[in-house]
Amino acid sequence: MTTARRLELHLSYICGQKCGFCSESVRMARWRHAPLKGEEISSVLLERRKAGFNHVTFTGGEPTAHPLLPAALGAARKLGFNTYLTTNGGLFAREEYAREVLPLVDEICLSVHGPDAESHDAAAETPGSFARAMSALENIERHGASAYLLTNTVVTRRNWERVPETLSLLTSHPKIRHCLLSNVAPEGRAAAAYRSLAVPLAAWRERLPELARPFEDGRVVLRLFGLPLCVLGGRDELSNDAHFSPRVTVERRGARGRPSLIAIASRDASRRRSKPLTCRSCEASGDCAGVFNRYLAAFGSSELTPRRAN
């Protein structure tokens, strides 16, 4: 069994957006007034570094909403962590903040859910969010020369038709090295509206060649999250599952409203996913994390096409 070396640390439970697909909405509603304290951050970093962890993702909510993020990044760097940050743009839209913080970041993942304000702002349910993300992108390109830049696009029926345009926008930026398309996960706010948000697996299968075409030259990496391998038409290397690393997530929990921290170990990419009976005959079953349970409950397994050994 591979030992976990990656830490995911939820710093803040505040976000300036109201995305209908947000997987963290329940935790944010409960803990928005209980961001991690400085001593908690220091303790987690020290403990995990001593245990051999060498990579830390600071996430949230929106991590730039936490005033101690720069200090946390600096402390992680001094301890020998590679630092990774997920953001919707946040304070990186401010050039002064970007100039100060970006030198402390090794990898940064920027959320972009559409090719323009109309599409992105509708997905994020937040006017002005696209403009903020683009300002952040400009500042990252200007001040984050050493940072590996990724993007994440959560795909729902609301932005599905414009995904090719979104990818065209992203691949036009030379600083962007990696684009992730995330099949919406049935968690948080997305759970209640999942049936109306989830793009059919058959639609993913049909459009995949078009989506993958801009990445054929290898300059930018394309990865797909939350899809079974049979949807990928033999392009297994595009599955984010194949590149999953074991990790430990540290986030706010508590009883009777008293905040504490809990560590959750993830050994594979199978969270909230499983393989129905039809997958038992598939030759790729051992390498596939399956389908979201909620998808199977809502739409069944008729779209799955098990691979047969030649």
Protein backbone atom coordinates (compact mmCIF):
# COMPACT_ATOMS: atom_id res chain seq x y z
CA MET A 1 0.00 0.00 0.00
CA THR A 2 1.36 3.42 -0.99
CA THR A 3 2.02 5.74 1.93
CA ALA A 4 0.25 9.11 1.82
CA ARG A 5 2.57 12.05 1.27
CA ARG A 6 -0.01 14.68 0.32
CA LEU A 7 -1.84 16.85 2.85
CA GLU A 8 -4.99 18.84 2.09
CA LEU A 9 -5.65 21.53 4.66
CA HIS A 10 -8.95 23.42 4.73
CA LEU A 11 -8.06 26.85 6.09
CA SER A 12 -11.12 28.99 5.51
CA TYR A 13 -14.85 28.32 5.34
CA ILE A 14 -15.67 31.55 3.56
CA CYS A 15 -16.10 32.03 -0.19
CA GLY A 16 -17.24 35.01 -2.23
CA GLN A 17 -19.07 32.82 -4.74
CA LYS A 18 -22.33 30.88 -4.55
CA CYS A 19 -21.68 28.08 -7.04
CA GLY A 20 -24.67 25.78 -7.44
CA PHE A 21 -22.28 22.81 -7.66
CA CYS A 22 -20.24 23.69 -4.54
CA SER A 23 -19.16 20.53 -2.71
CA GLU A 24 -18.15 22.45 0.42
CA SER A 25 -21.36 24.45 1.01
CA VAL A 26 -22.55 22.42 4.02
CA ARG A 27 -19.22 22.68 5.84
CA MET A 28 -18.93 26.37 4.99
CA ALA A 29 -22.38 27.09 6.37
CA ARG A 30 -21.48 25.37 9.63
CA TRP A 31 -17.94 26.66 10.11
CA ARG A 32 -17.84 30.02 8.36
CA HIS A 33 -17.06 31.69 11.71
CA ALA A 34 -14.41 29.13 12.67
CA PRO A 35 -11.41 29.43 10.33
CA LEU A 36 -8.31 27.57 11.42
CA LYS A 37 -6.25 29.35 14.04
CA GLY A 38 -2.54 29.97 13.63
CA GLU A 39 -1.58 27.37 16.21
CA GLU A 40 -3.78 24.77 14.52
CA ILE A 41 -2.14 25.40 11.17
CA SER A 42 1.35 25.20 12.65
CA SER A 43 0.54 22.03 14.57
CA VAL A 44 -0.86 20.22 11.51
CA LEU A 45 2.07 21.20 9.31
CA LEU A 46 4.66 20.14 11.86
CA GLU A 47 2.94 16.86 12.66
CA ARG A 48 2.49 15.86 9.02
CA ARG A 49 5.99 16.91 7.99
CA LYS A 50 7.46 14.74 10.76
CA ALA A 51 5.30 11.90 9.41
CA GLY A 52 6.94 12.24 5.99
CA PHE A 53 4.42 14.38 4.13
CA ASN A 54 6.04 16.62 1.51
CA HIS A 55 3.12 18.25 -0.34
CA VAL A 56 0.41 20.49 1.09
CA THR A 57 -2.71 21.85 -0.61
CA PHE A 58 -4.26 24.89 1.04
CA THR A 59 -7.94 25.01 0.21
CA GLY A 60 -11.27 26.12 1.64
CA GLY A 61 -13.72 27.73 1.02
CA GLU A 62 -11.53 30.31 -0.61
CA PRO A 63 -8.08 30.12 1.01
CA THR A 64 -7.14 33.72 0.18
CA ALA A 65 -10.01 34.75 2.49
CA HIS A 66 -7.87 33.58 5.42
CA PRO A 67 -5.56 36.37 6.64
CA LEU A 68 -2.91 33.84 7.70
CA LEU A 69 -2.53 32.25 4.26
CA PRO A 70 0.77 34.05 3.45
CA ALA A 71 2.22 33.01 6.80
CA ALA A 72 0.97 29.44 6.33
CA LEU A 73 2.58 29.23 2.91
CA GLY A 74 5.83 30.61 4.27
CA ALA A 75 5.86 28.14 7.16
CA ALA A 76 5.12 25.23 4.84
CA ARG A 77 7.97 26.23 2.54
CA LYS A 78 10.42 26.44 5.47
CA LEU A 79 9.39 22.97 6.58
CA GLY A 80 10.13 21.58 3.12
CA PHE A 81 6.61 21.19 1.72
CA ASN A 82 5.75 21.75 -1.91
CA THR A 83 2.82 24.18 -1.77
CA TYR A 84 -0.38 23.95 -3.81
CA LEU A 85 -3.28 26.39 -3.71
CA THR A 86 -6.84 26.13 -5.04
CA THR A 87 -8.58 29.44 -5.69
CA ASN A 88 -11.44 31.06 -7.57
CA GLY A 89 -9.20 34.09 -8.01
CA GLY A 90 -9.91 35.63 -4.65
CA LEU A 91 -7.36 38.19 -3.54
CA PHE A 92 -5.05 37.28 -6.42
CA ALA A 93 -7.18 39.69 -8.42
CA ARG A 94 -5.27 42.36 -6.46
CA GLU A 95 -1.80 42.84 -7.91
CA GLU A 96 -0.18 43.78 -4.62
CA TYR A 97 -1.44 40.59 -2.94
CA ALA A 98 -0.41 38.46 -5.91
CA ARG A 99 3.07 39.97 -5.91
CA GLU A 100 3.49 39.16 -2.20
CA VAL A 101 2.01 35.65 -2.07
CA LEU A 102 2.73 33.97 -5.42
CA PRO A 103 6.48 33.51 -4.77
CA LEU A 104 5.44 31.16 -1.93
CA VAL A 105 3.29 28.94 -4.18
CA ASP A 106 4.69 26.01 -6.20
CA GLU A 107 1.40 25.04 -7.84
CA ILE A 108 -1.83 26.95 -8.18
CA CYS A 109 -5.22 25.78 -9.47
CA LEU A 110 -7.57 28.49 -10.70
CA SER A 111 -11.30 27.78 -11.13
CA VAL A 112 -12.71 28.89 -14.51
CA HIS A 113 -16.20 27.67 -15.36
CA GLY A 114 -16.92 29.41 -18.64
CA PRO A 115 -15.33 31.32 -21.53
CA ASP A 116 -16.91 34.66 -20.65
CA ALA A 117 -18.76 36.52 -17.93
CA GLU A 118 -22.19 35.34 -19.07
CA SER A 119 -21.33 31.65 -18.74
CA HIS A 120 -18.90 31.73 -15.81
CA ASP A 121 -20.93 34.11 -13.66
CA ALA A 122 -24.05 32.02 -14.22
CA ALA A 123 -22.21 28.85 -13.14
CA ALA A 124 -20.73 30.59 -10.10
CA GLU A 125 -24.02 32.41 -9.44
CA THR A 126 -21.89 35.46 -8.68
CA PRO A 127 -21.78 38.58 -10.86
CA GLY A 128 -18.23 39.75 -11.44
CA SER A 129 -16.63 36.39 -10.67
CA PHE A 130 -15.29 35.91 -14.22
CA ALA A 131 -13.68 39.34 -14.20
CA ARG A 132 -12.04 38.51 -10.88
CA ALA A 133 -10.76 35.18 -12.17
CA MET A 134 -9.30 36.82 -15.30
CA SER A 135 -7.63 39.54 -13.23
CA ALA A 136 -6.17 36.82 -11.03
CA LEU A 137 -4.97 34.94 -14.12
CA GLU A 138 -3.21 38.06 -15.39
CA ASN A 139 -1.52 38.58 -12.02
CA ILE A 140 -0.50 34.93 -11.79
CA GLU A 141 1.04 35.14 -15.26
CA ARG A 142 2.84 38.34 -14.25
CA HIS A 143 4.05 37.43 -10.77
CA GLY A 144 3.91 33.63 -10.57
CA ALA A 145 6.68 32.78 -13.00
CA SER A 146 7.85 29.78 -10.99
CA ALA A 147 4.38 28.40 -10.18
CA TYR A 148 2.88 25.52 -12.15
CA LEU A 149 -0.55 26.80 -13.22
CA LEU A 150 -3.57 24.51 -13.48
CA THR A 151 -7.23 25.28 -14.05
CA ASN A 152 -10.36 23.47 -12.91
CA THR A 153 -13.70 23.66 -14.72
CA VAL A 154 -16.66 22.01 -13.00
CA VAL A 155 -18.93 20.76 -15.76
CA THR A 156 -22.71 20.81 -15.41
CA ARG A 157 -25.60 20.99 -17.85
CA ARG A 158 -25.49 24.75 -17.37
CA ASN A 159 -22.06 25.23 -18.95
CA TRP A 160 -21.69 21.98 -20.93
CA GLU A 161 -22.34 23.47 -24.35
CA ARG A 162 -19.61 26.05 -23.84
CA VAL A 163 -16.89 23.74 -22.52
CA PRO A 164 -15.03 23.70 -25.90
CA GLU A 165 -14.91 27.51 -25.84
CA THR A 166 -13.73 27.45 -22.23
CA LEU A 167 -10.87 25.11 -23.15
CA SER A 168 -10.02 27.28 -26.14
CA LEU A 169 -9.71 30.30 -23.84
CA LEU A 170 -7.57 28.42 -21.33
CA THR A 171 -5.19 26.86 -23.86
CA SER A 172 -4.60 30.30 -25.39
CA HIS A 173 -2.77 31.32 -22.21
CA PRO A 174 0.84 30.10 -22.39
CA LYS A 175 1.24 30.01 -18.60
CA ILE A 176 -1.54 27.42 -18.17
CA ARG A 177 -0.01 23.94 -18.21
CA HIS A 178 -2.86 21.69 -17.09
CA CYS A 179 -6.65 21.77 -17.52
CA LEU A 180 -8.96 19.65 -15.37
CA LEU A 181 -12.57 19.05 -16.34
CA SER A 182 -14.47 17.94 -13.25
CA ASN A 183 -17.68 15.98 -13.63
CA VAL A 184 -19.95 17.51 -10.99
CA ALA A 185 -19.82 15.56 -7.72
CA PRO A 186 -23.02 14.94 -5.69
CA GLU A 187 -21.83 16.72 -2.57
CA GLY A 188 -22.81 19.89 -0.76
CA ARG A 189 -25.11 22.18 -2.72
CA ALA A 190 -24.79 19.97 -5.80
CA ALA A 191 -26.39 17.03 -4.02
CA ALA A 192 -29.87 18.56 -3.92
CA ALA A 193 -29.81 19.61 -7.59
CA TYR A 194 -27.72 16.72 -8.88
CA ARG A 195 -30.28 15.29 -11.30
CA SER A 196 -30.56 18.63 -13.12
CA LEU A 197 -26.81 19.30 -13.02
CA ALA A 198 -25.22 16.01 -14.10
CA VAL A 199 -24.22 15.74 -17.76
CA PRO A 200 -25.12 12.29 -19.18
CA LEU A 201 -22.19 9.91 -19.52
CA ALA A 202 -23.22 9.27 -23.12
CA ALA A 203 -22.78 12.98 -23.87
CA TRP A 204 -19.29 12.92 -22.36
CA ARG A 205 -18.39 9.89 -24.51
CA GLU A 206 -19.65 11.52 -27.71
CA ARG A 207 -17.89 14.85 -27.15
CA LEU A 208 -14.59 13.58 -25.79
CA PRO A 209 -12.71 13.62 -29.14
CA GLU A 210 -13.65 17.28 -29.59
CA LEU A 211 -12.63 18.16 -26.05
CA ALA A 212 -9.28 16.36 -26.32
CA ARG A 213 -8.30 17.77 -29.73
CA PRO A 214 -6.72 21.05 -28.48
CA PHE A 215 -4.37 19.03 -26.26
CA GLU A 216 -2.94 16.69 -28.89
CA ASP A 217 0.30 18.67 -29.24
CA GLY A 218 1.12 17.91 -25.59
CA ARG A 219 1.80 21.51 -24.59
CA VAL A 220 -1.08 21.48 -22.09
CA VAL A 221 -2.24 18.45 -20.09
CA LEU A 222 -5.93 17.49 -20.07
CA ARG A 223 -7.39 15.48 -17.21
CA LEU A 224 -10.97 14.35 -16.51
CA PHE A 225 -12.33 13.83 -13.00
CA GLY A 226 -15.27 11.68 -11.94
CA LEU A 227 -15.78 9.63 -15.11
CA PRO A 228 -15.59 5.85 -15.55
CA LEU A 229 -12.95 4.57 -17.95
CA CYS A 230 -15.49 3.17 -20.42
CA VAL A 231 -16.56 6.73 -21.23
CA LEU A 232 -13.05 7.69 -22.34
CA GLY A 233 -12.91 5.56 -25.47
CA GLY A 234 -9.56 4.01 -24.68
CA ARG A 235 -7.97 7.30 -23.60
CA ASP A 236 -7.31 6.06 -20.06
CA GLU A 237 -4.40 8.49 -19.65
CA LEU A 238 -6.94 11.33 -19.52
CA SER A 239 -8.52 9.98 -16.34
CA ASN A 240 -7.51 11.90 -13.24
CA ASP A 241 -8.03 8.66 -11.31
CA ALA A 242 -4.90 7.20 -12.91
CA HIS A 243 -2.85 10.02 -11.40
CA PHE A 244 -4.40 9.97 -7.93
CA SER A 245 -1.99 10.05 -4.98
CA PRO A 246 -3.00 8.90 -1.48
CA ARG A 247 -3.68 11.88 0.76
CA VAL A 248 -4.93 13.03 4.12
CA THR A 249 -7.50 15.82 4.34
CA VAL A 250 -7.59 17.87 7.53
CA GLU A 251 -10.78 19.86 7.98
CA ARG A 252 -13.01 21.40 10.60
CA ARG A 253 -15.36 19.09 12.49
CA GLY A 254 -16.90 19.21 15.93
CA ALA A 255 -19.63 18.13 18.29
CA ARG A 256 -22.23 20.45 19.79
CA GLY A 257 -20.87 23.32 17.76
CA ARG A 258 -17.40 23.06 19.27
CA PRO A 259 -14.80 23.25 16.50
CA SER A 260 -12.08 20.65 16.29
CA LEU A 261 -10.10 19.07 13.46
CA ILE A 262 -10.41 15.67 11.84
CA ALA A 263 -8.02 13.90 9.48
CA ILE A 264 -9.54 11.83 6.67
CA ALA A 265 -7.33 9.43 4.71
CA SER A 266 -8.10 8.81 1.03
CA ARG A 267 -6.29 5.85 -0.54
CA ASP A 268 -7.94 6.00 -3.97
CA ALA A 269 -10.34 8.04 -6.09
CA SER A 270 -13.48 6.04 -5.28
CA ARG A 271 -15.18 8.57 -2.99
CA ARG A 272 -18.96 8.31 -3.43
CA ARG A 273 -18.39 6.09 -6.48
CA SER A 274 -18.97 2.40 -7.09
CA LYS A 275 -19.21 -0.18 -9.87
CA PRO A 276 -22.59 -1.77 -10.65
CA LEU A 277 -23.05 -5.39 -11.71
CA THR A 278 -22.51 -4.57 -15.37
CA CYS A 279 -18.92 -3.56 -14.56
CA ARG A 280 -17.95 -7.02 -13.31
CA SER A 281 -17.31 -8.24 -16.83
CA CYS A 282 -15.20 -5.20 -17.77
CA GLU A 283 -11.51 -5.89 -18.26
CA ALA A 284 -10.71 -2.37 -16.95
CA SER A 285 -12.70 -2.79 -13.73
CA GLY A 286 -9.60 -3.09 -11.57
CA ASP A 287 -8.29 0.27 -12.78
CA CYS A 288 -11.59 2.17 -12.72
CA ALA A 289 -13.06 4.02 -9.73
CA GLY A 290 -16.57 3.61 -11.10
CA VAL A 291 -19.57 5.92 -11.26
CA PHE A 292 -21.00 8.29 -8.69
CA ASN A 293 -23.58 6.39 -6.64
CA ARG A 294 -26.02 9.26 -7.03
CA TYR A 295 -25.71 9.06 -10.81
CA LEU A 296 -26.53 5.36 -10.79
CA ALA A 297 -29.53 5.99 -8.55
CA ALA A 298 -30.83 8.75 -10.81
CA PHE A 299 -30.00 7.43 -14.28
CA GLY A 300 -29.05 3.77 -13.97
CA SER A 301 -26.16 1.96 -15.64
CA SER A 302 -27.40 1.60 -19.23
CA GLU A 303 -24.79 4.08 -20.53
CA LEU A 304 -21.88 1.96 -19.30
CA THR A 305 -20.11 -0.17 -21.90
CA PRO A 306 -17.89 -2.82 -20.29
CA ARG A 307 -14.67 -3.57 -22.14
CA ARG A 308 -14.26 -7.14 -23.34
CA ALA A 309 -10.92 -8.92 -23.56
CA ASN A 310 -9.92 -9.71 -27.15
